[in-house]
Amino acid sequence: MPEAQVQTHVQLEIRPTAAEQVRRLMSGQTNGVAVRVYAQPGGGGCCGGGSAVQFGMAFAKPRRDDEVVTVDGFSVIVDPTSIPFVNGAVIDYVETLEESGFKITNPTLPEPDAAGKAGGCGSCGSNAENGGGCGCG
């Protein structure tokens, strides 16, 4: 008998400018490809804030144990180890003199402590427009 999968129902907020950029980038992808949002704990020093979680995005096809959620009309994939960090995250797209690209924050994570063992942020620069992944930067 197959093992039952537990649905975790990941909650994400994708701001309108980010959703627009994702849709534009998705138009060049093959069928079955979705946006993978992931977190890498233990990054230390991410975004200059001493955070121990780095977020990233990439185009991918879902794996068997991934959580797939539909947000703003497209599929978002989250792997099981990233769920605790990605759940509650906000994905935005910013264009300023200082930075340009996707920016992922999670206000539900605790603030970084003195040892930098909590919190998280990430941004995806213009290389994401070419279909590449991205992380803190």
C-alpha atoms as a PDB file:
ATOM      1  CA  MET A   1       0.000   0.000   0.000  1.00  0.00           C
ATOM      2  CA  PRO A   2       1.446   3.467  -0.901  1.00  0.00           C
ATOM      3  CA  GLU A   3       2.501   5.734   1.920  1.00  0.00           C
ATOM      4  CA  ALA A   4       0.052   8.583   2.610  1.00  0.00           C
ATOM      5  CA  GLN A   5       1.339  12.063   1.919  1.00  0.00           C
ATOM      6  CA  VAL A   6       0.778  14.785   4.497  1.00  0.00           C
ATOM      7  CA  GLN A   7      -0.412  18.055   2.974  1.00  0.00           C
ATOM      8  CA  THR A   8       1.135  21.065   4.683  1.00  0.00           C
ATOM      9  CA  HIS A   9      -0.572  23.874   2.733  1.00  0.00           C
ATOM     10  CA  VAL A  10       2.281  26.330   2.373  1.00  0.00           C
ATOM     11  CA  GLN A  11       1.184  29.964   2.576  1.00  0.00           C
ATOM     12  CA  LEU A  12       2.972  32.478   0.323  1.00  0.00           C
ATOM     13  CA  GLU A  13       2.303  36.067  -0.602  1.00  0.00           C
ATOM     14  CA  ILE A  14       3.416  37.067  -4.066  1.00  0.00           C
ATOM     15  CA  ARG A  15       3.224  40.798  -4.638  1.00  0.00           C
ATOM     16  CA  PRO A  16       1.684  41.932  -7.971  1.00  0.00           C
ATOM     17  CA  THR A  17       4.986  43.073  -9.520  1.00  0.00           C
ATOM     18  CA  ALA A  18       6.605  39.725  -8.661  1.00  0.00           C
ATOM     19  CA  ALA A  19       3.652  37.771 -10.075  1.00  0.00           C
ATOM     20  CA  GLU A  20       3.873  39.792 -13.289  1.00  0.00           C
ATOM     21  CA  GLN A  21       7.599  39.047 -13.628  1.00  0.00           C
ATOM     22  CA  VAL A  22       7.079  35.330 -12.908  1.00  0.00           C
ATOM     23  CA  ARG A  23       4.371  35.097 -15.577  1.00  0.00           C
ATOM     24  CA  ARG A  24       6.642  36.852 -18.081  1.00  0.00           C
ATOM     25  CA  LEU A  25       9.505  34.464 -17.325  1.00  0.00           C
ATOM     26  CA  MET A  26       7.225  31.398 -17.325  1.00  0.00           C
ATOM     27  CA  SER A  27       6.120  32.160 -20.897  1.00  0.00           C
ATOM     28  CA  GLY A  28       9.503  30.910 -22.132  1.00  0.00           C
ATOM     29  CA  GLN A  29       9.426  27.632 -20.177  1.00  0.00           C
ATOM     30  CA  THR A  30       8.295  24.168 -21.261  1.00  0.00           C
ATOM     31  CA  ASN A  31       5.094  22.520 -20.007  1.00  0.00           C
ATOM     32  CA  GLY A  32       5.262  21.016 -16.544  1.00  0.00           C
ATOM     33  CA  VAL A  33       7.807  23.535 -15.284  1.00  0.00           C
ATOM     34  CA  ALA A  34       6.949  25.573 -12.199  1.00  0.00           C
ATOM     35  CA  VAL A  35       8.704  28.018  -9.895  1.00  0.00           C
ATOM     36  CA  ARG A  36      10.660  26.338  -7.095  1.00  0.00           C
ATOM     37  CA  VAL A  37      11.076  28.469  -3.957  1.00  0.00           C
ATOM     38  CA  TYR A  38      13.627  27.066  -1.536  1.00  0.00           C
ATOM     39  CA  ALA A  39      15.442  27.935   1.649  1.00  0.00           C
ATOM     40  CA  GLN A  40      18.952  26.974   2.622  1.00  0.00           C
ATOM     41  CA  PRO A  41      19.453  27.140   6.388  1.00  0.00           C
ATOM     42  CA  GLY A  42      22.931  27.824   7.682  1.00  0.00           C
ATOM     43  CA  GLY A  43      23.885  30.461   5.101  1.00  0.00           C
ATOM     44  CA  GLY A  44      25.185  32.914   7.709  1.00  0.00           C
ATOM     45  CA  GLY A  45      25.658  36.543   6.804  1.00  0.00           C
ATOM     46  CA  CYS A  46      23.018  36.600   4.054  1.00  0.00           C
ATOM     47  CA  CYS A  47      22.140  40.095   2.869  1.00  0.00           C
ATOM     48  CA  GLY A  48      24.562  41.603   5.353  1.00  0.00           C
ATOM     49  CA  GLY A  49      22.205  40.916   8.249  1.00  0.00           C
ATOM     50  CA  GLY A  50      23.762  37.825   9.828  1.00  0.00           C
ATOM     51  CA  SER A  51      20.823  35.696   8.774  1.00  0.00           C
ATOM     52  CA  ALA A  52      21.172  31.947   8.754  1.00  0.00           C
ATOM     53  CA  VAL A  53      18.554  31.326   6.035  1.00  0.00           C
ATOM     54  CA  GLN A  54      18.997  32.080   2.349  1.00  0.00           C
ATOM     55  CA  PHE A  55      16.053  31.954  -0.043  1.00  0.00           C
ATOM     56  CA  GLY A  56      16.181  31.266  -3.743  1.00  0.00           C
ATOM     57  CA  MET A  57      14.043  30.602  -6.794  1.00  0.00           C
ATOM     58  CA  ALA A  58      14.500  28.494  -9.913  1.00  0.00           C
ATOM     59  CA  PHE A  59      12.431  26.855 -12.638  1.00  0.00           C
ATOM     60  CA  ALA A  60      11.945  23.134 -12.022  1.00  0.00           C
ATOM     61  CA  LYS A  61       9.599  20.194 -12.340  1.00  0.00           C
ATOM     62  CA  PRO A  62       8.056  18.919  -9.092  1.00  0.00           C
ATOM     63  CA  ARG A  63       9.487  15.852  -7.373  1.00  0.00           C
ATOM     64  CA  ARG A  64       7.395  13.237  -5.614  1.00  0.00           C
ATOM     65  CA  ASP A  65       7.787  14.672  -2.110  1.00  0.00           C
ATOM     66  CA  ASP A  66       7.417  18.369  -3.040  1.00  0.00           C
ATOM     67  CA  GLU A  67       4.520  20.544  -1.938  1.00  0.00           C
ATOM     68  CA  VAL A  68       2.936  22.206  -4.987  1.00  0.00           C
ATOM     69  CA  VAL A  69       0.693  25.204  -4.407  1.00  0.00           C
ATOM     70  CA  THR A  70      -1.052  27.480  -6.867  1.00  0.00           C
ATOM     71  CA  VAL A  71      -0.413  31.161  -6.228  1.00  0.00           C
ATOM     72  CA  ASP A  72      -1.706  33.902  -8.533  1.00  0.00           C
ATOM     73  CA  GLY A  73      -2.425  31.409 -11.329  1.00  0.00           C
ATOM     74  CA  PHE A  74       0.908  29.576 -11.469  1.00  0.00           C
ATOM     75  CA  SER A  75       2.436  26.654  -9.591  1.00  0.00           C
ATOM     76  CA  VAL A  76       5.010  27.104  -6.857  1.00  0.00           C
ATOM     77  CA  ILE A  77       7.060  24.116  -5.674  1.00  0.00           C
ATOM     78  CA  VAL A  78       8.489  23.857  -2.148  1.00  0.00           C
ATOM     79  CA  ASP A  79      10.604  20.910  -0.996  1.00  0.00           C
ATOM     80  CA  PRO A  80       9.882  19.387   2.432  1.00  0.00           C
ATOM     81  CA  THR A  81      13.012  20.768   4.139  1.00  0.00           C
ATOM     82  CA  SER A  82      12.240  24.317   2.941  1.00  0.00           C
ATOM     83  CA  ILE A  83       8.590  24.363   4.074  1.00  0.00           C
ATOM     84  CA  PRO A  84       9.223  25.650   7.648  1.00  0.00           C
ATOM     85  CA  PHE A  85      11.259  28.577   6.274  1.00  0.00           C
ATOM     86  CA  VAL A  86       9.179  29.340   3.153  1.00  0.00           C
ATOM     87  CA  ASN A  87       5.758  29.111   4.838  1.00  0.00           C
ATOM     88  CA  GLY A  88       4.629  32.715   5.397  1.00  0.00           C
ATOM     89  CA  ALA A  89       7.202  34.213   2.999  1.00  0.00           C
ATOM     90  CA  VAL A  90       6.598  37.310   0.887  1.00  0.00           C
ATOM     91  CA  ILE A  91       7.976  37.414  -2.669  1.00  0.00           C
ATOM     92  CA  ASP A  92       8.389  40.828  -4.222  1.00  0.00           C
ATOM     93  CA  TYR A  93      10.111  42.258  -7.280  1.00  0.00           C
ATOM     94  CA  VAL A  94      12.086  45.464  -6.751  1.00  0.00           C
ATOM     95  CA  GLU A  95      13.862  47.858  -9.089  1.00  0.00           C
ATOM     96  CA  THR A  96      15.908  50.547  -7.389  1.00  0.00           C
ATOM     97  CA  LEU A  97      19.341  52.063  -7.856  1.00  0.00           C
ATOM     98  CA  GLU A  98      20.695  49.663  -5.214  1.00  0.00           C
ATOM     99  CA  GLU A  99      19.061  46.411  -6.326  1.00  0.00           C
ATOM    100  CA  SER A 100      16.947  44.825  -9.008  1.00  0.00           C
ATOM    101  CA  GLY A 101      15.188  41.481  -8.944  1.00  0.00           C
ATOM    102  CA  PHE A 102      13.075  39.170  -6.841  1.00  0.00           C
ATOM    103  CA  LYS A 103      13.278  39.655  -3.089  1.00  0.00           C
ATOM    104  CA  ILE A 104      12.079  37.021  -0.634  1.00  0.00           C
ATOM    105  CA  THR A 105      11.495  37.767   3.037  1.00  0.00           C
ATOM    106  CA  ASN A 106       9.706  35.862   5.747  1.00  0.00           C
ATOM    107  CA  PRO A 107       8.303  38.041   8.522  1.00  0.00           C
ATOM    108  CA  THR A 108       7.180  34.931  10.431  1.00  0.00           C
ATOM    109  CA  LEU A 109      10.768  33.871  11.121  1.00  0.00           C
ATOM    110  CA  PRO A 110      12.379  35.217  14.300  1.00  0.00           C
ATOM    111  CA  GLU A 111      14.831  38.084  14.054  1.00  0.00           C
ATOM    112  CA  PRO A 112      18.482  37.012  13.713  1.00  0.00           C
ATOM    113  CA  ASP A 113      20.034  36.511  17.132  1.00  0.00           C
ATOM    114  CA  ALA A 114      23.601  37.343  18.127  1.00  0.00           C
ATOM    115  CA  ALA A 115      24.833  34.055  16.677  1.00  0.00           C
ATOM    116  CA  GLY A 116      22.919  34.596  13.415  1.00  0.00           C
ATOM    117  CA  LYS A 117      20.882  31.438  13.814  1.00  0.00           C
ATOM    118  CA  ALA A 118      17.436  32.714  12.834  1.00  0.00           C
ATOM    119  CA  GLY A 119      15.690  34.961  10.322  1.00  0.00           C
ATOM    120  CA  GLY A 120      15.994  35.046   6.579  1.00  0.00           C
ATOM    121  CA  CYS A 121      16.070  37.021   3.378  1.00  0.00           C
ATOM    122  CA  GLY A 122      16.998  36.546  -0.225  1.00  0.00           C
ATOM    123  CA  SER A 123      16.983  38.290  -3.533  1.00  0.00           C
ATOM    124  CA  CYS A 124      17.198  37.226  -7.109  1.00  0.00           C
ATOM    125  CA  GLY A 125      19.017  39.451  -9.516  1.00  0.00           C
ATOM    126  CA  SER A 126      18.665  39.956 -13.219  1.00  0.00           C
ATOM    127  CA  ASN A 127      20.237  36.559 -13.992  1.00  0.00           C
ATOM    128  CA  ALA A 128      16.819  35.088 -13.174  1.00  0.00           C
ATOM    129  CA  GLU A 129      15.519  36.644 -16.401  1.00  0.00           C
ATOM    130  CA  ASN A 130      17.630  34.118 -18.294  1.00  0.00           C
ATOM    131  CA  GLY A 131      15.919  31.231 -16.505  1.00  0.00           C
ATOM    132  CA  GLY A 132      18.638  30.770 -13.905  1.00  0.00           C
ATOM    133  CA  GLY A 133      18.214  30.294 -10.200  1.00  0.00           C
ATOM    134  CA  CYS A 134      18.957  32.915  -7.634  1.00  0.00           C
ATOM    135  CA  GLY A 135      19.704  33.369  -3.971  1.00  0.00           C
ATOM    136  CA  CYS A 136      20.918  36.062  -1.687  1.00  0.00           C
ATOM    137  CA  GLY A 137      22.614  38.822  -3.536  1.00  0.00           C
END
